Amino acid sequence: MNKVILIGRATKDWELRYTPSGVAVANGNIAVDKPFTSDGERKADFIDLVAWRKTAELAANYIRKGQRFGLEGSIQVRKYEKDGQNRYAYEVLVDRIEFLESNRNGNASEGQDPFANDGKPVNLPDDDLPF
């Protein structure tokens, strides 16, 4: 079984591009907090991410640097050559994204839930109530 579940913060905006055949692919990075160390410092792991198709477009359109989100996916290893040496890149292939806080620009059309409870009272006339 190869399953990864992470919660963290985006370290940058996702980069969206398209393959020559028109398939969306996006790359991002997530900082996942580790427990405090003995000297009280907080550390994080920085993990490379890749998403394809609709998941790629969703990530690129709605996840911004510093935004907290969760994801499910799997580890994949990419082999490539650099300076005549074989290299390996480990990254998470993202299958599913869950937004854990609203987009920071405050625009509901940018991924916020327009029906979310914002703590403000709702003024409804009695005629609008179903009872």
N, C-alpha and C. Protein backbone atom coordinates (compact mmCIF):
# COMPACT_ATOMS: atom_id res chain seq x y z
N MET A 1 0.84 -1.18 0.00
CA MET A 1 0.00 0.00 0.00
C MET A 1 0.89 1.24 0.00
N ASN A 2 0.55 2.20 -0.82
CA ASN A 2 1.30 3.45 -0.94
C ASN A 2 0.30 4.60 -0.79
N LYS A 3 0.12 5.08 0.43
CA LYS A 3 -0.85 6.15 0.70
C LYS A 3 -0.23 7.19 1.61
N VAL A 4 -0.39 8.45 1.24
CA VAL A 4 0.16 9.56 2.00
C VAL A 4 -0.98 10.51 2.35
N ILE A 5 -1.04 10.95 3.61
CA ILE A 5 -1.98 11.97 4.05
C ILE A 5 -1.16 13.04 4.77
N LEU A 6 -1.26 14.28 4.31
CA LEU A 6 -0.47 15.37 4.88
C LEU A 6 -1.36 16.58 5.15
N ILE A 7 -1.00 17.32 6.19
CA ILE A 7 -1.60 18.62 6.48
C ILE A 7 -0.46 19.59 6.71
N GLY A 8 -0.52 20.72 6.03
CA GLY A 8 0.55 21.70 6.18
C GLY A 8 0.19 22.99 5.48
N ARG A 9 1.23 23.78 5.19
CA ARG A 9 1.04 25.08 4.54
C ARG A 9 1.82 25.11 3.22
N ALA A 10 1.22 25.74 2.23
CA ALA A 10 1.88 25.89 0.93
C ALA A 10 3.07 26.82 1.08
N THR A 11 4.22 26.41 0.56
CA THR A 11 5.41 27.26 0.64
C THR A 11 5.51 28.22 -0.54
N LYS A 12 4.64 28.03 -1.53
CA LYS A 12 4.61 28.90 -2.71
C LYS A 12 3.29 28.67 -3.42
N ASP A 13 2.96 29.55 -4.34
CA ASP A 13 1.81 29.31 -5.21
C ASP A 13 2.15 28.15 -6.14
N TRP A 14 1.15 27.35 -6.47
CA TRP A 14 1.38 26.23 -7.38
C TRP A 14 1.65 26.74 -8.79
N GLU A 15 2.48 26.01 -9.53
CA GLU A 15 2.82 26.36 -10.91
C GLU A 15 2.07 25.41 -11.85
N LEU A 16 1.18 25.98 -12.66
CA LEU A 16 0.36 25.19 -13.57
C LEU A 16 0.92 25.29 -14.98
N ARG A 17 0.98 24.16 -15.66
CA ARG A 17 1.36 24.14 -17.07
C ARG A 17 0.58 23.01 -17.74
N TYR A 18 0.71 22.91 -19.03
CA TYR A 18 -0.02 21.90 -19.79
C TYR A 18 0.95 21.12 -20.67
N THR A 19 0.71 19.82 -20.77
CA THR A 19 1.52 18.98 -21.65
C THR A 19 1.16 19.34 -23.10
N PRO A 20 1.98 18.91 -24.07
CA PRO A 20 1.64 19.19 -25.47
C PRO A 20 0.26 18.67 -25.88
N SER A 21 -0.22 17.62 -25.20
CA SER A 21 -1.55 17.09 -25.53
C SER A 21 -2.66 17.78 -24.73
N GLY A 22 -2.31 18.80 -23.94
CA GLY A 22 -3.33 19.59 -23.25
C GLY A 22 -3.70 19.12 -21.85
N VAL A 23 -2.93 18.22 -21.27
CA VAL A 23 -3.22 17.73 -19.92
C VAL A 23 -2.58 18.65 -18.89
N ALA A 24 -3.38 19.08 -17.91
CA ALA A 24 -2.89 19.99 -16.87
C ALA A 24 -2.00 19.24 -15.88
N VAL A 25 -0.89 19.88 -15.51
CA VAL A 25 0.00 19.36 -14.46
C VAL A 25 0.48 20.55 -13.64
N ALA A 26 0.49 20.38 -12.31
CA ALA A 26 0.91 21.48 -11.43
C ALA A 26 1.88 20.95 -10.39
N ASN A 27 2.83 21.80 -10.02
CA ASN A 27 3.80 21.46 -8.98
C ASN A 27 3.66 22.46 -7.84
N GLY A 28 3.79 21.92 -6.62
CA GLY A 28 3.73 22.74 -5.43
C GLY A 28 4.64 22.16 -4.37
N ASN A 29 4.56 22.73 -3.19
CA ASN A 29 5.39 22.28 -2.07
C ASN A 29 4.61 22.54 -0.80
N ILE A 30 4.73 21.63 0.16
CA ILE A 30 4.02 21.77 1.43
C ILE A 30 5.03 21.69 2.57
N ALA A 31 4.85 22.54 3.57
CA ALA A 31 5.65 22.50 4.80
C ALA A 31 4.79 21.82 5.86
N VAL A 32 5.28 20.70 6.37
CA VAL A 32 4.56 19.93 7.38
C VAL A 32 5.32 20.05 8.69
N ASP A 33 4.67 20.61 9.71
CA ASP A 33 5.33 20.81 11.00
C ASP A 33 5.69 19.49 11.66
N LYS A 34 6.88 19.49 12.29
CA LYS A 34 7.32 18.39 13.14
C LYS A 34 7.05 18.80 14.59
N PRO A 35 7.08 17.85 15.51
CA PRO A 35 6.95 18.24 16.93
C PRO A 35 8.10 19.15 17.33
N PHE A 36 7.89 19.91 18.41
CA PHE A 36 8.95 20.78 18.92
C PHE A 36 10.17 19.96 19.29
N THR A 37 11.35 20.53 19.09
CA THR A 37 12.59 19.87 19.49
C THR A 37 12.84 20.15 20.96
N SER A 38 13.88 19.54 21.51
CA SER A 38 14.18 19.72 22.93
C SER A 38 14.52 21.16 23.28
N ASP A 39 15.02 21.93 22.32
CA ASP A 39 15.33 23.33 22.60
C ASP A 39 14.16 24.27 22.28
N GLY A 40 12.99 23.69 21.99
CA GLY A 40 11.78 24.48 21.79
C GLY A 40 11.58 25.03 20.40
N GLU A 41 12.47 24.71 19.48
CA GLU A 41 12.33 25.20 18.11
C GLU A 41 11.36 24.32 17.33
N ARG A 42 10.63 24.95 16.44
CA ARG A 42 9.73 24.21 15.57
C ARG A 42 10.45 23.94 14.25
N LYS A 43 10.36 22.72 13.79
CA LYS A 43 10.97 22.32 12.52
C LYS A 43 9.87 21.87 11.57
N ALA A 44 10.18 21.80 10.30
CA ALA A 44 9.21 21.36 9.31
C ALA A 44 9.90 20.53 8.24
N ASP A 45 9.13 19.63 7.65
CA ASP A 45 9.57 18.91 6.46
C ASP A 45 8.97 19.64 5.26
N PHE A 46 9.75 19.78 4.20
CA PHE A 46 9.30 20.43 2.98
C PHE A 46 9.20 19.35 1.90
N ILE A 47 8.00 19.13 1.41
CA ILE A 47 7.72 18.00 0.54
C ILE A 47 7.23 18.50 -0.81
N ASP A 48 7.86 18.01 -1.88
CA ASP A 48 7.46 18.36 -3.24
C ASP A 48 6.17 17.63 -3.60
N LEU A 49 5.31 18.33 -4.36
CA LEU A 49 4.01 17.79 -4.74
C LEU A 49 3.81 17.94 -6.25
N VAL A 50 3.07 17.00 -6.82
CA VAL A 50 2.67 17.10 -8.22
C VAL A 50 1.22 16.63 -8.32
N ALA A 51 0.44 17.34 -9.14
CA ALA A 51 -0.96 16.98 -9.36
C ALA A 51 -1.24 17.05 -10.86
N TRP A 52 -2.20 16.26 -11.29
CA TRP A 52 -2.55 16.18 -12.70
C TRP A 52 -4.03 16.49 -12.90
N ARG A 53 -4.37 16.91 -14.10
CA ARG A 53 -5.72 17.13 -14.58
C ARG A 53 -6.49 18.13 -13.70
N LYS A 54 -7.72 17.78 -13.30
CA LYS A 54 -8.56 18.70 -12.53
C LYS A 54 -7.94 19.04 -11.18
N THR A 55 -7.26 18.07 -10.56
CA THR A 55 -6.61 18.34 -9.28
C THR A 55 -5.52 19.39 -9.45
N ALA A 56 -4.80 19.34 -10.56
CA ALA A 56 -3.77 20.34 -10.85
C ALA A 56 -4.38 21.73 -11.00
N GLU A 57 -5.46 21.82 -11.74
CA GLU A 57 -6.11 23.11 -11.95
C GLU A 57 -6.69 23.65 -10.64
N LEU A 58 -7.27 22.78 -9.83
CA LEU A 58 -7.81 23.18 -8.53
C LEU A 58 -6.71 23.74 -7.64
N ALA A 59 -5.60 23.02 -7.54
CA ALA A 59 -4.49 23.47 -6.70
C ALA A 59 -3.94 24.81 -7.18
N ALA A 60 -3.71 24.93 -8.48
CA ALA A 60 -3.12 26.16 -9.03
C ALA A 60 -4.06 27.36 -8.89
N ASN A 61 -5.34 27.13 -8.98
CA ASN A 61 -6.30 28.23 -8.92
C ASN A 61 -6.62 28.68 -7.50
N TYR A 62 -6.50 27.79 -6.52
CA TYR A 62 -7.01 28.12 -5.19
C TYR A 62 -6.01 28.06 -4.04
N ILE A 63 -4.88 27.40 -4.20
CA ILE A 63 -3.92 27.33 -3.10
C ILE A 63 -2.87 28.42 -3.28
N ARG A 64 -2.71 29.22 -2.25
CA ARG A 64 -1.74 30.31 -2.26
C ARG A 64 -0.70 30.10 -1.18
N LYS A 65 0.45 30.73 -1.35
CA LYS A 65 1.54 30.63 -0.39
C LYS A 65 1.03 30.94 1.02
N GLY A 66 1.38 30.06 1.97
CA GLY A 66 0.99 30.24 3.36
C GLY A 66 -0.35 29.63 3.73
N GLN A 67 -1.13 29.22 2.74
CA GLN A 67 -2.46 28.67 3.01
C GLN A 67 -2.35 27.25 3.54
N ARG A 68 -3.16 26.94 4.54
CA ARG A 68 -3.19 25.61 5.15
C ARG A 68 -4.15 24.72 4.37
N PHE A 69 -3.69 23.51 4.04
CA PHE A 69 -4.53 22.56 3.32
C PHE A 69 -4.09 21.14 3.64
N GLY A 70 -4.95 20.20 3.33
CA GLY A 70 -4.63 18.79 3.50
C GLY A 70 -4.67 18.11 2.15
N LEU A 71 -4.02 16.96 2.08
CA LEU A 71 -4.02 16.23 0.82
C LEU A 71 -3.90 14.73 1.07
N GLU A 72 -4.35 13.98 0.08
CA GLU A 72 -4.14 12.54 0.02
C GLU A 72 -3.44 12.25 -1.29
N GLY A 73 -2.56 11.28 -1.26
CA GLY A 73 -1.85 10.92 -2.48
C GLY A 73 -0.96 9.72 -2.25
N SER A 74 0.06 9.61 -3.07
CA SER A 74 1.01 8.50 -2.97
C SER A 74 2.41 9.02 -3.29
N ILE A 75 3.41 8.31 -2.77
CA ILE A 75 4.81 8.66 -3.05
C ILE A 75 5.16 8.14 -4.45
N GLN A 76 5.84 8.96 -5.20
CA GLN A 76 6.38 8.48 -6.47
C GLN A 76 7.84 8.90 -6.57
N VAL A 77 8.61 8.09 -7.27
CA VAL A 77 10.03 8.35 -7.45
C VAL A 77 10.26 8.61 -8.93
N ARG A 78 10.88 9.74 -9.22
CA ARG A 78 11.22 10.09 -10.60
C ARG A 78 12.71 9.97 -10.78
N LYS A 79 13.14 9.28 -11.83
CA LYS A 79 14.56 9.16 -12.13
C LYS A 79 14.89 10.09 -13.28
N TYR A 80 16.00 10.84 -13.13
CA TYR A 80 16.45 11.73 -14.19
C TYR A 80 17.97 11.79 -14.16
N GLU A 81 18.54 12.36 -15.21
CA GLU A 81 20.00 12.46 -15.29
C GLU A 81 20.42 13.92 -15.23
N LYS A 82 21.45 14.18 -14.43
CA LYS A 82 22.00 15.54 -14.32
C LYS A 82 23.51 15.42 -14.24
N ASP A 83 24.19 16.14 -15.11
CA ASP A 83 25.65 16.11 -15.17
C ASP A 83 26.20 14.69 -15.30
N GLY A 84 25.51 13.86 -16.09
CA GLY A 84 25.95 12.49 -16.31
C GLY A 84 25.67 11.54 -15.16
N GLN A 85 25.02 12.02 -14.12
CA GLN A 85 24.71 11.18 -12.95
C GLN A 85 23.21 10.92 -12.88
N ASN A 86 22.85 9.68 -12.53
CA ASN A 86 21.45 9.37 -12.29
C ASN A 86 21.02 9.98 -10.96
N ARG A 87 19.91 10.67 -10.98
CA ARG A 87 19.35 11.29 -9.77
C ARG A 87 17.93 10.79 -9.58
N TYR A 88 17.46 10.91 -8.35
CA TYR A 88 16.10 10.49 -8.03
C TYR A 88 15.40 11.61 -7.27
N ALA A 89 14.16 11.86 -7.64
CA ALA A 89 13.35 12.86 -6.95
C ALA A 89 12.15 12.15 -6.35
N TYR A 90 11.93 12.40 -5.07
CA TYR A 90 10.78 11.84 -4.37
C TYR A 90 9.74 12.93 -4.23
N GLU A 91 8.51 12.63 -4.59
CA GLU A 91 7.45 13.61 -4.51
C GLU A 91 6.13 12.90 -4.22
N VAL A 92 5.15 13.66 -3.79
CA VAL A 92 3.82 13.11 -3.55
C VAL A 92 2.95 13.42 -4.75
N LEU A 93 2.36 12.37 -5.31
CA LEU A 93 1.39 12.50 -6.39
C LEU A 93 0.04 12.73 -5.73
N VAL A 94 -0.50 13.94 -5.85
CA VAL A 94 -1.71 14.35 -5.13
C VAL A 94 -2.95 13.86 -5.86
N ASP A 95 -3.79 13.13 -5.12
CA ASP A 95 -5.07 12.64 -5.66
C ASP A 95 -6.24 13.49 -5.20
N ARG A 96 -6.13 14.04 -3.99
CA ARG A 96 -7.26 14.76 -3.38
C ARG A 96 -6.73 15.90 -2.52
N ILE A 97 -7.42 17.04 -2.58
CA ILE A 97 -7.05 18.21 -1.78
C ILE A 97 -8.24 18.61 -0.93
N GLU A 98 -7.94 18.99 0.32
CA GLU A 98 -8.98 19.51 1.20
C GLU A 98 -8.53 20.87 1.73
N PHE A 99 -9.37 21.87 1.56
CA PHE A 99 -9.06 23.22 2.01
C PHE A 99 -9.40 23.34 3.49
N LEU A 100 -8.43 23.76 4.29
CA LEU A 100 -8.62 23.84 5.73
C LEU A 100 -8.80 25.27 6.22
N GLU A 101 -8.60 26.23 5.35
CA GLU A 101 -8.89 27.63 5.66
C GLU A 101 -9.19 28.33 4.36
N SER A 102 -9.81 29.48 4.47
CA SER A 102 -10.21 30.20 3.27
C SER A 102 -9.00 30.79 2.56
N ASN A 103 -9.21 31.08 1.30
CA ASN A 103 -8.20 31.75 0.50
C ASN A 103 -7.97 33.13 1.08
N ARG A 104 -6.76 33.58 1.16
CA ARG A 104 -6.43 34.82 1.87
C ARG A 104 -6.89 36.10 1.18
N ASN A 105 -7.31 36.04 -0.07
CA ASN A 105 -7.70 37.28 -0.73
C ASN A 105 -9.13 37.70 -0.43
N GLY A 106 -9.88 36.86 0.31
CA GLY A 106 -11.21 37.24 0.76
C GLY A 106 -12.28 37.20 -0.31
N ASN A 107 -12.00 36.65 -1.47
CA ASN A 107 -12.96 36.60 -2.55
C ASN A 107 -13.64 35.24 -2.57
N ALA A 108 -14.94 35.20 -2.39
CA ALA A 108 -15.66 33.93 -2.32
C ALA A 108 -15.53 33.14 -3.60
N SER A 109 -15.40 33.82 -4.73
CA SER A 109 -15.27 33.09 -5.99
C SER A 109 -13.91 32.43 -6.13
N GLU A 110 -13.01 32.72 -5.23
CA GLU A 110 -11.68 32.12 -5.27
C GLU A 110 -11.56 30.96 -4.30
N GLY A 111 -12.62 30.19 -4.09
CA GLY A 111 -12.51 28.98 -3.29
C GLY A 111 -13.12 29.06 -1.92
N GLN A 112 -13.56 30.23 -1.47
CA GLN A 112 -14.21 30.30 -0.18
C GLN A 112 -15.63 29.79 -0.29
N ASP A 113 -16.15 29.29 0.80
CA ASP A 113 -17.53 28.85 0.86
C ASP A 113 -18.41 30.06 1.12
N PRO A 114 -19.25 30.46 0.17
CA PRO A 114 -20.07 31.65 0.38
C PRO A 114 -21.13 31.45 1.45
N PHE A 115 -21.37 30.20 1.86
CA PHE A 115 -22.38 29.90 2.87
C PHE A 115 -21.76 29.60 4.23
N ALA A 116 -20.48 29.83 4.37
CA ALA A 116 -19.80 29.55 5.64
C ALA A 116 -20.30 30.49 6.72
N ASN A 117 -20.30 30.01 7.95
CA ASN A 117 -20.72 30.81 9.10
C ASN A 117 -19.62 31.82 9.41
N ASP A 118 -19.90 33.09 9.17
CA ASP A 118 -18.91 34.13 9.44
C ASP A 118 -19.14 34.81 10.78
N GLY A 119 -20.09 34.30 11.57
CA GLY A 119 -20.36 34.84 12.90
C GLY A 119 -21.30 36.02 12.91
N LYS A 120 -21.74 36.50 11.76
CA LYS A 120 -22.65 37.63 11.70
C LYS A 120 -24.10 37.13 11.71
N PRO A 121 -25.00 37.84 12.40
CA PRO A 121 -26.40 37.41 12.41
C PRO A 121 -27.02 37.57 11.03
N VAL A 122 -27.97 36.70 10.74
CA VAL A 122 -28.67 36.75 9.47
C VAL A 122 -30.04 37.36 9.72
N ASN A 123 -30.39 38.38 8.98
CA ASN A 123 -31.67 39.05 9.15
C ASN A 123 -32.65 38.49 8.13
N LEU A 124 -33.62 37.68 8.59
CA LEU A 124 -34.64 37.10 7.72
C LEU A 124 -36.00 37.63 8.12
N PRO A 125 -36.77 38.14 7.17
CA PRO A 125 -38.14 38.54 7.49
C PRO A 125 -38.98 37.31 7.85
N ASP A 126 -39.99 37.50 8.70
CA ASP A 126 -40.85 36.38 9.11
C ASP A 126 -41.52 35.71 7.92
N ASP A 127 -41.78 36.47 6.85
CA ASP A 127 -42.43 35.91 5.67
C ASP A 127 -41.56 34.88 4.97
N ASP A 128 -40.24 34.92 5.18
CA ASP A 128 -39.33 33.98 4.53
C ASP A 128 -39.19 32.67 5.30
N LEU A 129 -39.69 32.60 6.51
CA LEU A 129 -39.57 31.39 7.32
C LEU A 129 -40.62 30.38 6.89
N PRO A 130 -40.27 29.09 6.83
CA PRO A 130 -41.20 28.08 6.33
C PRO A 130 -42.24 27.63 7.36
N PHE A 131 -42.33 28.26 8.50
CA PHE A 131 -43.31 27.84 9.53
C PHE A 131 -44.05 29.02 10.11
